[in-house]
Every structure is written in C-alpha cells, then in structure tokens.
Amino acid sequence: MTNRYKNTKTINPRSFLNERPKFVTANLLTRIFKDCQSGKLETTKVIFKEGDRLDYLSQIYYGNGLDWWIIAGASGIGWWLQINPGTEIIIPTDLKQVRSLYNL
C-alpha cells in the first residue's frame, strides 16, 4: 500500500496571502454579481456538470483554485455545495479587471 501523503506538496500560505482579500463580504459578492449582470465585467458562461467544483473551475480559468469565491459571487451562488448539475455558472474572464475594480 502506498502512502498517499508521501508526494503531497505543501502550500506556503505566505505565497498566496497577497492574492486574495482578507475578508470576503456579502456586499463584495453582491457588487460582483450586479456588475456581471450589467456587463461591467466581461464574463463567460459554462454549464455545471456532475463532478465539477468551483475551485476546479477557478483553477482552469484563473490558474489557481483560491478564487472560487469570485465565480460564486458572479453566479449568485450562496452555498457552493448545493450546485446542481445543469446550473449556468458565470465566470468573470479577466481576473486582473476584477482585482483592480474592487481593490483586491
């Protein structure tokens, strides 16, 4: 039996602390949602499939799984574990635009 923890890389928390906000508030998520709906933020839409996760989509579109909360806010998702397959997910395409618009 192999040890599944043997080759696991550890993440230095200091390496990503400056890449995400210290506090994600409901107000911030509401602003992201409204700006996506109004067209202020460029977005793409995907259909959530069985087995998908928001951190996985964040990894695909942003290169890291830590910004899943941006996708949740843009999609108006309150609790990410309750996303049903077939749900339309809105993903802001330009992470730099999101960071600069909200001073993140």
PDB file of N, CA and C in Angstrom:
ATOM      1  N   MET A   1       0.851  -1.176   0.000  1.00  0.00           N
ATOM      2  CA  MET A   1       0.000   0.000   0.000  1.00  0.00           C
ATOM      3  C   MET A   1       0.895   1.236   0.000  1.00  0.00           C
ATOM      4  N   THR A   2       0.588   2.179  -0.857  1.00  0.00           N
ATOM      5  CA  THR A   2       1.396   3.391  -0.922  1.00  0.00           C
ATOM      6  C   THR A   2       0.830   4.455   0.001  1.00  0.00           C
ATOM      7  N   ASN A   3       1.720   5.298   0.444  1.00  0.00           N
ATOM      8  CA  ASN A   3       1.319   6.392   1.309  1.00  0.00           C
ATOM      9  C   ASN A   3       0.865   7.555   0.430  1.00  0.00           C
ATOM     10  N   ARG A   4      -0.382   7.914   0.502  1.00  0.00           N
ATOM     11  CA  ARG A   4      -0.899   8.967  -0.362  1.00  0.00           C
ATOM     12  C   ARG A   4      -0.386  10.349   0.027  1.00  0.00           C
ATOM     13  N   TYR A   5       0.190  10.481   1.217  1.00  0.00           N
ATOM     14  CA  TYR A   5       0.700  11.774   1.659  1.00  0.00           C
ATOM     15  C   TYR A   5       2.175  11.962   1.338  1.00  0.00           C
ATOM     16  N   LYS A   6       2.826  10.936   0.859  1.00  0.00           N
ATOM     17  CA  LYS A   6       4.268  10.978   0.641  1.00  0.00           C
ATOM     18  C   LYS A   6       4.676  12.064  -0.359  1.00  0.00           C
ATOM     19  N   ASN A   7       3.961  12.175  -1.471  1.00  0.00           N
ATOM     20  CA  ASN A   7       4.343  13.117  -2.518  1.00  0.00           C
ATOM     21  C   ASN A   7       3.467  14.362  -2.552  1.00  0.00           C
ATOM     22  N   THR A   8       2.732  14.601  -1.499  1.00  0.00           N
ATOM     23  CA  THR A   8       1.863  15.767  -1.462  1.00  0.00           C
ATOM     24  C   THR A   8       2.693  17.019  -1.207  1.00  0.00           C
ATOM     25  N   LYS A   9       2.529  17.988  -2.081  1.00  0.00           N
ATOM     26  CA  LYS A   9       3.219  19.257  -1.885  1.00  0.00           C
ATOM     27  C   LYS A   9       2.457  20.092  -0.871  1.00  0.00           C
ATOM     28  N   THR A  10       3.181  20.757  -0.031  1.00  0.00           N
ATOM     29  CA  THR A  10       2.541  21.681   0.893  1.00  0.00           C
ATOM     30  C   THR A  10       2.591  23.073   0.287  1.00  0.00           C
ATOM     31  N   ILE A  11       1.574  23.849   0.568  1.00  0.00           N
ATOM     32  CA  ILE A  11       1.499  25.209   0.053  1.00  0.00           C
ATOM     33  C   ILE A  11       1.947  26.160   1.140  1.00  0.00           C
ATOM     34  N   ASN A  12       2.864  27.017   0.789  1.00  0.00           N
ATOM     35  CA  ASN A  12       3.285  28.047   1.722  1.00  0.00           C
ATOM     36  C   ASN A  12       2.190  29.105   1.762  1.00  0.00           C
ATOM     37  N   PRO A  13       1.513  29.292   2.897  1.00  0.00           N
ATOM     38  CA  PRO A  13       0.409  30.240   2.942  1.00  0.00           C
ATOM     39  C   PRO A  13       0.846  31.667   2.628  1.00  0.00           C
ATOM     40  N   ARG A  14       2.072  32.009   2.879  1.00  0.00           N
ATOM     41  CA  ARG A  14       2.544  33.367   2.597  1.00  0.00           C
ATOM     42  C   ARG A  14       2.629  33.637   1.103  1.00  0.00           C
ATOM     43  N   SER A  15       2.703  32.591   0.279  1.00  0.00           N
ATOM     44  CA  SER A  15       2.847  32.791  -1.158  1.00  0.00           C
ATOM     45  C   SER A  15       1.563  33.285  -1.807  1.00  0.00           C
ATOM     46  N   PHE A  16       0.404  33.056  -1.183  1.00  0.00           N
ATOM     47  CA  PHE A  16      -0.839  33.499  -1.804  1.00  0.00           C
ATOM     48  C   PHE A  16      -1.637  34.469  -0.950  1.00  0.00           C
ATOM     49  N   LEU A  17      -1.126  34.891   0.187  1.00  0.00           N
ATOM     50  CA  LEU A  17      -1.884  35.798   1.033  1.00  0.00           C
ATOM     51  C   LEU A  17      -2.167  37.137   0.355  1.00  0.00           C
ATOM     52  N   ASN A  18      -1.262  37.604  -0.478  1.00  0.00           N
ATOM     53  CA  ASN A  18      -1.465  38.887  -1.142  1.00  0.00           C
ATOM     54  C   ASN A  18      -2.323  38.762  -2.383  1.00  0.00           C
ATOM     55  N   GLU A  19      -2.763  37.567  -2.740  1.00  0.00           N
ATOM     56  CA  GLU A  19      -3.535  37.367  -3.954  1.00  0.00           C
ATOM     57  C   GLU A  19      -5.029  37.292  -3.700  1.00  0.00           C
ATOM     58  N   ARG A  20      -5.467  37.347  -2.476  1.00  0.00           N
ATOM     59  CA  ARG A  20      -6.896  37.274  -2.200  1.00  0.00           C
ATOM     60  C   ARG A  20      -7.225  38.235  -1.067  1.00  0.00           C
ATOM     61  N   PRO A  21      -8.446  38.681  -0.995  1.00  0.00           N
ATOM     62  CA  PRO A  21      -8.800  39.628   0.058  1.00  0.00           C
ATOM     63  C   PRO A  21      -8.815  38.959   1.420  1.00  0.00           C
ATOM     64  N   LYS A  22      -8.584  39.745   2.444  1.00  0.00           N
ATOM     65  CA  LYS A  22      -8.613  39.193   3.790  1.00  0.00           C
ATOM     66  C   LYS A  22     -10.035  38.830   4.199  1.00  0.00           C
ATOM     67  N   PHE A  23     -10.992  39.625   3.751  1.00  0.00           N
ATOM     68  CA  PHE A  23     -12.381  39.377   4.112  1.00  0.00           C
ATOM     69  C   PHE A  23     -13.252  39.459   2.866  1.00  0.00           C
ATOM     70  N   VAL A  24     -13.965  38.405   2.607  1.00  0.00           N
ATOM     71  CA  VAL A  24     -14.928  38.404   1.506  1.00  0.00           C
ATOM     72  C   VAL A  24     -16.282  38.674   2.140  1.00  0.00           C
ATOM     73  N   THR A  25     -16.860  39.807   1.805  1.00  0.00           N
ATOM     74  CA  THR A  25     -18.128  40.189   2.414  1.00  0.00           C
ATOM     75  C   THR A  25     -19.280  39.940   1.447  1.00  0.00           C
ATOM     76  N   ALA A  26     -20.461  39.873   2.014  1.00  0.00           N
ATOM     77  CA  ALA A  26     -21.658  39.713   1.188  1.00  0.00           C
ATOM     78  C   ALA A  26     -21.821  40.909   0.262  1.00  0.00           C
ATOM     79  N   ASN A  27     -21.428  42.093   0.723  1.00  0.00           N
ATOM     80  CA  ASN A  27     -21.520  43.297  -0.100  1.00  0.00           C
ATOM     81  C   ASN A  27     -20.622  43.177  -1.329  1.00  0.00           C
ATOM     82  N   LEU A  28     -19.413  42.674  -1.155  1.00  0.00           N
ATOM     83  CA  LEU A  28     -18.488  42.496  -2.275  1.00  0.00           C
ATOM     84  C   LEU A  28     -19.048  41.493  -3.284  1.00  0.00           C
ATOM     85  N   LEU A  29     -19.579  40.393  -2.799  1.00  0.00           N
ATOM     86  CA  LEU A  29     -20.149  39.378  -3.687  1.00  0.00           C
ATOM     87  C   LEU A  29     -21.369  39.917  -4.440  1.00  0.00           C
ATOM     88  N   THR A  30     -22.171  40.733  -3.776  1.00  0.00           N
ATOM     89  CA  THR A  30     -23.319  41.347  -4.426  1.00  0.00           C
ATOM     90  C   THR A  30     -22.874  42.309  -5.521  1.00  0.00           C
ATOM     91  N   ARG A  31     -21.831  43.078  -5.257  1.00  0.00           N
ATOM     92  CA  ARG A  31     -21.313  44.005  -6.267  1.00  0.00           C
ATOM     93  C   ARG A  31     -20.780  43.249  -7.485  1.00  0.00           C
ATOM     94  N   ILE A  32     -20.073  42.149  -7.250  1.00  0.00           N
ATOM     95  CA  ILE A  32     -19.562  41.338  -8.360  1.00  0.00           C
ATOM     96  C   ILE A  32     -20.723  40.789  -9.182  1.00  0.00           C
ATOM     97  N   PHE A  33     -21.748  40.274  -8.506  1.00  0.00           N
ATOM     98  CA  PHE A  33     -22.921  39.729  -9.198  1.00  0.00           C
ATOM     99  C   PHE A  33     -23.599  40.793 -10.054  1.00  0.00           C
ATOM    100  N   LYS A  34     -23.841  41.966  -9.483  1.00  0.00           N
ATOM    101  CA  LYS A  34     -24.523  43.038 -10.213  1.00  0.00           C
ATOM    102  C   LYS A  34     -23.683  43.531 -11.391  1.00  0.00           C
ATOM    103  N   ASP A  35     -22.373  43.638 -11.204  1.00  0.00           N
ATOM    104  CA  ASP A  35     -21.504  44.098 -12.286  1.00  0.00           C
ATOM    105  C   ASP A  35     -21.426  43.082 -13.424  1.00  0.00           C
ATOM    106  N   CYS A  36     -21.530  41.811 -13.105  1.00  0.00           N
ATOM    107  CA  CYS A  36     -21.575  40.787 -14.159  1.00  0.00           C
ATOM    108  C   CYS A  36     -22.898  40.859 -14.912  1.00  0.00           C
ATOM    109  N   GLN A  37     -23.991  41.073 -14.193  1.00  0.00           N
ATOM    110  CA  GLN A  37     -25.306  41.159 -14.823  1.00  0.00           C
ATOM    111  C   GLN A  37     -25.430  42.390 -15.721  1.00  0.00           C
ATOM    112  N   SER A  38     -24.794  43.502 -15.310  1.00  0.00           N
ATOM    113  CA  SER A  38     -24.906  44.741 -16.080  1.00  0.00           C
ATOM    114  C   SER A  38     -23.922  44.809 -17.247  1.00  0.00           C
ATOM    115  N   GLY A  39     -22.964  43.899 -17.288  1.00  0.00           N
ATOM    116  CA  GLY A  39     -21.983  43.904 -18.363  1.00  0.00           C
ATOM    117  C   GLY A  39     -20.726  44.695 -18.053  1.00  0.00           C
ATOM    118  N   LYS A  40     -20.618  45.176 -16.830  1.00  0.00           N
ATOM    119  CA  LYS A  40     -19.422  45.926 -16.428  1.00  0.00           C
ATOM    120  C   LYS A  40     -18.189  45.025 -16.403  1.00  0.00           C
ATOM    121  N   LEU A  41     -18.392  43.763 -16.062  1.00  0.00           N
ATOM    122  CA  LEU A  41     -17.319  42.767 -16.081  1.00  0.00           C
ATOM    123  C   LEU A  41     -17.528  41.831 -17.273  1.00  0.00           C
ATOM    124  N   GLU A  42     -16.453  41.519 -17.957  1.00  0.00           N
ATOM    125  CA  GLU A  42     -16.525  40.557 -19.049  1.00  0.00           C
ATOM    126  C   GLU A  42     -16.684  39.163 -18.451  1.00  0.00           C
ATOM    127  N   THR A  43     -17.601  38.394 -19.000  1.00  0.00           N
ATOM    128  CA  THR A  43     -17.873  37.069 -18.444  1.00  0.00           C
ATOM    129  C   THR A  43     -17.997  36.026 -19.540  1.00  0.00           C
ATOM    130  N   THR A  44     -17.909  34.793 -19.105  1.00  0.00           N
ATOM    131  CA  THR A  44     -18.238  33.650 -19.941  1.00  0.00           C
ATOM    132  C   THR A  44     -19.169  32.761 -19.117  1.00  0.00           C
ATOM    133  N   LYS A  45     -19.969  31.986 -19.796  1.00  0.00           N
ATOM    134  CA  LYS A  45     -20.909  31.111 -19.099  1.00  0.00           C
ATOM    135  C   LYS A  45     -20.571  29.661 -19.401  1.00  0.00           C
ATOM    136  N   VAL A  46     -20.647  28.839 -18.371  1.00  0.00           N
ATOM    137  CA  VAL A  46     -20.454  27.400 -18.526  1.00  0.00           C
ATOM    138  C   VAL A  46     -21.601  26.688 -17.805  1.00  0.00           C
ATOM    139  N   ILE A  47     -21.860  25.477 -18.219  1.00  0.00           N
ATOM    140  CA  ILE A  47     -22.881  24.655 -17.567  1.00  0.00           C
ATOM    141  C   ILE A  47     -22.184  23.728 -16.585  1.00  0.00           C
ATOM    142  N   PHE A  48     -22.625  23.795 -15.340  1.00  0.00           N
ATOM    143  CA  PHE A  48     -22.055  22.980 -14.266  1.00  0.00           C
ATOM    144  C   PHE A  48     -22.392  21.521 -14.513  1.00  0.00           C
ATOM    145  N   LYS A  49     -21.358  20.667 -14.520  1.00  0.00           N
ATOM    146  CA  LYS A  49     -21.544  19.240 -14.773  1.00  0.00           C
ATOM    147  C   LYS A  49     -21.357  18.441 -13.487  1.00  0.00           C
ATOM    148  N   GLU A  50     -21.823  17.246 -13.507  1.00  0.00           N
ATOM    149  CA  GLU A  50     -21.632  16.325 -12.377  1.00  0.00           C
ATOM    150  C   GLU A  50     -20.136  16.175 -12.113  1.00  0.00           C
ATOM    151  N   GLY A  51     -19.731  16.361 -10.900  1.00  0.00           N
ATOM    152  CA  GLY A  51     -18.327  16.224 -10.528  1.00  0.00           C
ATOM    153  C   GLY A  51     -17.542  17.523 -10.575  1.00  0.00           C
ATOM    154  N   ASP A  52     -18.105  18.590 -11.165  1.00  0.00           N
ATOM    155  CA  ASP A  52     -17.432  19.885 -11.181  1.00  0.00           C
ATOM    156  C   ASP A  52     -17.430  20.494  -9.776  1.00  0.00           C
ATOM    157  N   ARG A  53     -16.455  21.346  -9.551  1.00  0.00           N
ATOM    158  CA  ARG A  53     -16.373  22.121  -8.312  1.00  0.00           C
ATOM    159  C   ARG A  53     -15.925  23.522  -8.692  1.00  0.00           C
ATOM    160  N   LEU A  54     -16.295  24.497  -7.878  1.00  0.00           N
ATOM    161  CA  LEU A  54     -15.922  25.876  -8.187  1.00  0.00           C
ATOM    162  C   LEU A  54     -14.418  26.082  -8.110  1.00  0.00           C
ATOM    163  N   ASP A  55     -13.740  25.419  -7.193  1.00  0.00           N
ATOM    164  CA  ASP A  55     -12.285  25.576  -7.128  1.00  0.00           C
ATOM    165  C   ASP A  55     -11.613  24.961  -8.354  1.00  0.00           C
ATOM    166  N   TYR A  56     -12.213  23.929  -8.909  1.00  0.00           N
ATOM    167  CA  TYR A  56     -11.703  23.325 -10.137  1.00  0.00           C
ATOM    168  C   TYR A  56     -11.880  24.289 -11.316  1.00  0.00           C
ATOM    169  N   LEU A  57     -13.050  24.917 -11.416  1.00  0.00           N
ATOM    170  CA  LEU A  57     -13.272  25.898 -12.478  1.00  0.00           C
ATOM    171  C   LEU A  57     -12.339  27.101 -12.314  1.00  0.00           C
ATOM    172  N   SER A  58     -12.116  27.509 -11.079  1.00  0.00           N
ATOM    173  CA  SER A  58     -11.191  28.606 -10.813  1.00  0.00           C
ATOM    174  C   SER A  58      -9.777  28.237 -11.258  1.00  0.00           C
ATOM    175  N   GLN A  59      -9.381  27.012 -11.032  1.00  0.00           N
ATOM    176  CA  GLN A  59      -8.057  26.546 -11.465  1.00  0.00           C
ATOM    177  C   GLN A  59      -7.942  26.594 -12.987  1.00  0.00           C
ATOM    178  N   ILE A  60      -8.995  26.203 -13.675  1.00  0.00           N
ATOM    179  CA  ILE A  60      -8.983  26.195 -15.136  1.00  0.00           C
ATOM    180  C   ILE A  60      -8.926  27.612 -15.696  1.00  0.00           C
ATOM    181  N   TYR A  61      -9.788  28.498 -15.196  1.00  0.00           N
ATOM    182  CA  TYR A  61      -9.914  29.833 -15.780  1.00  0.00           C
ATOM    183  C   TYR A  61      -8.911  30.849 -15.237  1.00  0.00           C
ATOM    184  N   TYR A  62      -8.490  30.695 -13.969  1.00  0.00           N
ATOM    185  CA  TYR A  62      -7.606  31.684 -13.348  1.00  0.00           C
ATOM    186  C   TYR A  62      -6.211  31.169 -13.023  1.00  0.00           C
ATOM    187  N   GLY A  63      -6.018  29.868 -13.107  1.00  0.00           N
ATOM    188  CA  GLY A  63      -4.701  29.312 -12.804  1.00  0.00           C
ATOM    189  C   GLY A  63      -4.495  29.003 -11.340  1.00  0.00           C
ATOM    190  N   ASN A  64      -5.512  29.231 -10.520  1.00  0.00           N
ATOM    191  CA  ASN A  64      -5.452  28.837  -9.110  1.00  0.00           C
ATOM    192  C   ASN A  64      -6.867  28.574  -8.619  1.00  0.00           C
ATOM    193  N   GLY A  65      -6.974  27.722  -7.640  1.00  0.00           N
ATOM    194  CA  GLY A  65      -8.282  27.355  -7.109  1.00  0.00           C
ATOM    195  C   GLY A  65      -8.766  28.251  -5.992  1.00  0.00           C
ATOM    196  N   LEU A  66      -7.963  29.241  -5.617  1.00  0.00           N
ATOM    197  CA  LEU A  66      -8.299  30.088  -4.476  1.00  0.00           C
ATOM    198  C   LEU A  66      -9.352  31.145  -4.779  1.00  0.00           C
ATOM    199  N   ASP A  67      -9.576  31.425  -6.045  1.00  0.00           N
ATOM    200  CA  ASP A  67     -10.517  32.481  -6.410  1.00  0.00           C
ATOM    201  C   ASP A  67     -11.899  31.947  -6.774  1.00  0.00           C
ATOM    202  N   TRP A  68     -12.249  30.795  -6.229  1.00  0.00           N
ATOM    203  CA  TRP A  68     -13.554  30.196  -6.488  1.00  0.00           C
ATOM    204  C   TRP A  68     -14.678  31.103  -6.021  1.00  0.00           C
ATOM    205  N   TRP A  69     -14.428  31.896  -4.994  1.00  0.00           N
ATOM    206  CA  TRP A  69     -15.456  32.765  -4.422  1.00  0.00           C
ATOM    207  C   TRP A  69     -15.883  33.853  -5.415  1.00  0.00           C
ATOM    208  N   ILE A  70     -14.990  34.239  -6.340  1.00  0.00           N
ATOM    209  CA  ILE A  70     -15.346  35.220  -7.368  1.00  0.00           C
ATOM    210  C   ILE A  70     -16.394  34.611  -8.300  1.00  0.00           C
ATOM    211  N   ILE A  71     -16.192  33.359  -8.670  1.00  0.00           N
ATOM    212  CA  ILE A  71     -17.152  32.660  -9.528  1.00  0.00           C
ATOM    213  C   ILE A  71     -18.480  32.481  -8.796  1.00  0.00           C
ATOM    214  N   ALA A  72     -18.413  32.159  -7.510  1.00  0.00           N
ATOM    215  CA  ALA A  72     -19.644  32.008  -6.719  1.00  0.00           C
ATOM    216  C   ALA A  72     -20.400  33.327  -6.657  1.00  0.00           C
ATOM    217  N   GLY A  73     -19.690  34.416  -6.423  1.00  0.00           N
ATOM    218  CA  GLY A  73     -20.342  35.726  -6.366  1.00  0.00           C
ATOM    219  C   GLY A  73     -20.943  36.131  -7.697  1.00  0.00           C
ATOM    220  N   ALA A  74     -20.190  35.907  -8.777  1.00  0.00           N
ATOM    221  CA  ALA A  74     -20.668  36.274 -10.104  1.00  0.00           C
ATOM    222  C   ALA A  74     -21.903  35.474 -10.497  1.00  0.00           C
ATOM    223  N   SER A  75     -21.984  34.244 -10.019  1.00  0.00           N
ATOM    224  CA  SER A  75     -23.096  33.361 -10.370  1.00  0.00           C
ATOM    225  C   SER A  75     -24.270  33.477  -9.402  1.00  0.00           C
ATOM    226  N   GLY A  76     -24.092  34.231  -8.329  1.00  0.00           N
ATOM    227  CA  GLY A  76     -25.156  34.370  -7.343  1.00  0.00           C
ATOM    228  C   GLY A  76     -25.366  33.115  -6.523  1.00  0.00           C
ATOM    229  N   ILE A  77     -24.282  32.387  -6.296  1.00  0.00           N
ATOM    230  CA  ILE A  77     -24.359  31.132  -5.546  1.00  0.00           C
ATOM    231  C   ILE A  77     -24.059  31.421  -4.081  1.00  0.00           C
ATOM    232  N   GLY A  78     -24.980  31.034  -3.219  1.00  0.00           N
ATOM    233  CA  GLY A  78     -24.785  31.275  -1.798  1.00  0.00           C
ATOM    234  C   GLY A  78     -24.007  30.164  -1.116  1.00  0.00           C
ATOM    235  N   TRP A  79     -24.312  28.931  -1.451  1.00  0.00           N
ATOM    236  CA  TRP A  79     -23.651  27.796  -0.801  1.00  0.00           C
ATOM    237  C   TRP A  79     -23.172  26.869  -1.899  1.00  0.00           C
ATOM    238  N   TRP A  80     -21.868  26.838  -2.106  1.00  0.00           N
ATOM    239  CA  TRP A  80     -21.292  26.162  -3.269  1.00  0.00           C
ATOM    240  C   TRP A  80     -21.477  24.661  -3.287  1.00  0.00           C
ATOM    241  N   LEU A  81     -21.821  24.055  -2.173  1.00  0.00           N
ATOM    242  CA  LEU A  81     -22.021  22.600  -2.157  1.00  0.00           C
ATOM    243  C   LEU A  81     -23.384  22.194  -2.700  1.00  0.00           C
ATOM    244  N   GLN A  82     -24.260  23.172  -2.914  1.00  0.00           N
ATOM    245  CA  GLN A  82     -25.608  22.846  -3.354  1.00  0.00           C
ATOM    246  C   GLN A  82     -25.846  23.197  -4.815  1.00  0.00           C
ATOM    247  N   ILE A  83     -24.804  23.156  -5.627  1.00  0.00           N
ATOM    248  CA  ILE A  83     -24.966  23.458  -7.044  1.00  0.00           C
ATOM    249  C   ILE A  83     -25.385  22.179  -7.771  1.00  0.00           C
ATOM    250  N   ASN A  84     -26.494  22.254  -8.457  1.00  0.00           N
ATOM    251  CA  ASN A  84     -26.987  21.097  -9.199  1.00  0.00           C
ATOM    252  C   ASN A  84     -26.374  21.064 -10.593  1.00  0.00           C
ATOM    253  N   PRO A  85     -26.108  19.862 -11.110  1.00  0.00           N
ATOM    254  CA  PRO A  85     -25.651  19.765 -12.495  1.00  0.00           C
ATOM    255  C   PRO A  85     -26.673  20.417 -13.427  1.00  0.00           C
ATOM    256  N   GLY A  86     -26.181  21.125 -14.426  1.00  0.00           N
ATOM    257  CA  GLY A  86     -27.042  21.845 -15.352  1.00  0.00           C
ATOM    258  C   GLY A  86     -27.204  23.315 -15.011  1.00  0.00           C
ATOM    259  N   THR A  87     -26.699  23.729 -13.853  1.00  0.00           N
ATOM    260  CA  THR A  87     -26.767  25.131 -13.446  1.00  0.00           C
ATOM    261  C   THR A  87     -25.810  25.956 -14.290  1.00  0.00           C
ATOM    262  N   GLU A  88     -26.269  27.109 -14.744  1.00  0.00           N
ATOM    263  CA  GLU A  88     -25.413  28.004 -15.524  1.00  0.00           C
ATOM    264  C   GLU A  88     -24.503  28.778 -14.562  1.00  0.00           C
ATOM    265  N   ILE A  89     -23.200  28.676 -14.791  1.00  0.00           N
ATOM    266  CA  ILE A  89     -22.196  29.335 -13.962  1.00  0.00           C
ATOM    267  C   ILE A  89     -21.615  30.494 -14.758  1.00  0.00           C
ATOM    268  N   ILE A  90     -21.556  31.669 -14.131  1.00  0.00           N
ATOM    269  CA  ILE A  90     -20.995  32.855 -14.763  1.00  0.00           C
ATOM    270  C   ILE A  90     -19.585  33.052 -14.226  1.00  0.00           C
ATOM    271  N   ILE A  91     -18.626  33.174 -15.142  1.00  0.00           N
ATOM    272  CA  ILE A  91     -17.224  33.312 -14.760  1.00  0.00           C
ATOM    273  C   ILE A  91     -16.670  34.613 -15.336  1.00  0.00           C
ATOM    274  N   PRO A  92     -16.272  35.561 -14.471  1.00  0.00           N
ATOM    275  CA  PRO A  92     -15.579  36.749 -14.986  1.00  0.00           C
ATOM    276  C   PRO A  92     -14.279  36.301 -15.656  1.00  0.00           C
ATOM    277  N   THR A  93     -14.063  36.732 -16.891  1.00  0.00           N
ATOM    278  CA  THR A  93     -12.933  36.216 -17.654  1.00  0.00           C
ATOM    279  C   THR A  93     -11.611  36.897 -17.335  1.00  0.00           C
ATOM    280  N   ASP A  94     -11.643  38.142 -16.911  1.00  0.00           N
ATOM    281  CA  ASP A  94     -10.405  38.879 -16.669  1.00  0.00           C
ATOM    282  C   ASP A  94     -10.221  39.101 -15.175  1.00  0.00           C
ATOM    283  N   LEU A  95      -9.393  38.272 -14.550  1.00  0.00           N
ATOM    284  CA  LEU A  95      -9.170  38.367 -13.115  1.00  0.00           C
ATOM    285  C   LEU A  95      -8.500  39.682 -12.734  1.00  0.00           C
ATOM    286  N   LYS A  96      -7.641  40.211 -13.609  1.00  0.00           N
ATOM    287  CA  LYS A  96      -6.992  41.498 -13.330  1.00  0.00           C
ATOM    288  C   LYS A  96      -8.034  42.613 -13.270  1.00  0.00           C
ATOM    289  N   GLN A  97      -9.034  42.556 -14.127  1.00  0.00           N
ATOM    290  CA  GLN A  97     -10.100  43.544 -14.110  1.00  0.00           C
ATOM    291  C   GLN A  97     -10.872  43.470 -12.796  1.00  0.00           C
ATOM    292  N   VAL A  98     -11.158  42.276 -12.324  1.00  0.00           N
ATOM    293  CA  VAL A  98     -11.877  42.091 -11.066  1.00  0.00           C
ATOM    294  C   VAL A  98     -11.049  42.649  -9.914  1.00  0.00           C
ATOM    295  N   ARG A  99      -9.769  42.307  -9.874  1.00  0.00           N
ATOM    296  CA  ARG A  99      -8.901  42.767  -8.790  1.00  0.00           C
ATOM    297  C   ARG A  99      -8.775  44.286  -8.778  1.00  0.00           C
ATOM    298  N   SER A 100      -8.632  44.909  -9.948  1.00  0.00           N
ATOM    299  CA  SER A 100      -8.468  46.356  -9.975  1.00  0.00           C
ATOM    300  C   SER A 100      -9.780  47.078  -9.660  1.00  0.00           C
ATOM    301  N   LEU A 101     -10.896  46.554 -10.118  1.00  0.00           N
ATOM    302  CA  LEU A 101     -12.191  47.193  -9.895  1.00  0.00           C
ATOM    303  C   LEU A 101     -12.565  47.214  -8.416  1.00  0.00           C
ATOM    304  N   TYR A 102     -12.197  46.169  -7.683  1.00  0.00           N
ATOM    305  CA  TYR A 102     -12.598  46.055  -6.276  1.00  0.00           C
ATOM    306  C   TYR A 102     -11.408  46.209  -5.315  1.00  0.00           C
ATOM    307  N   ASN A 103     -10.275  46.654  -5.821  1.00  0.00           N
ATOM    308  CA  ASN A 103      -9.070  46.866  -4.993  1.00  0.00           C
ATOM    309  C   ASN A 103      -8.678  45.628  -4.202  1.00  0.00           C
ATOM    310  N   LEU A 104      -8.605  44.507  -4.872  1.00  0.00           N
ATOM    311  CA  LEU A 104      -8.252  43.237  -4.211  1.00  0.00           C
ATOM    312  C   LEU A 104      -6.771  42.966  -4.331  1.00  0.00           C
TER     313      LEU A 104
END
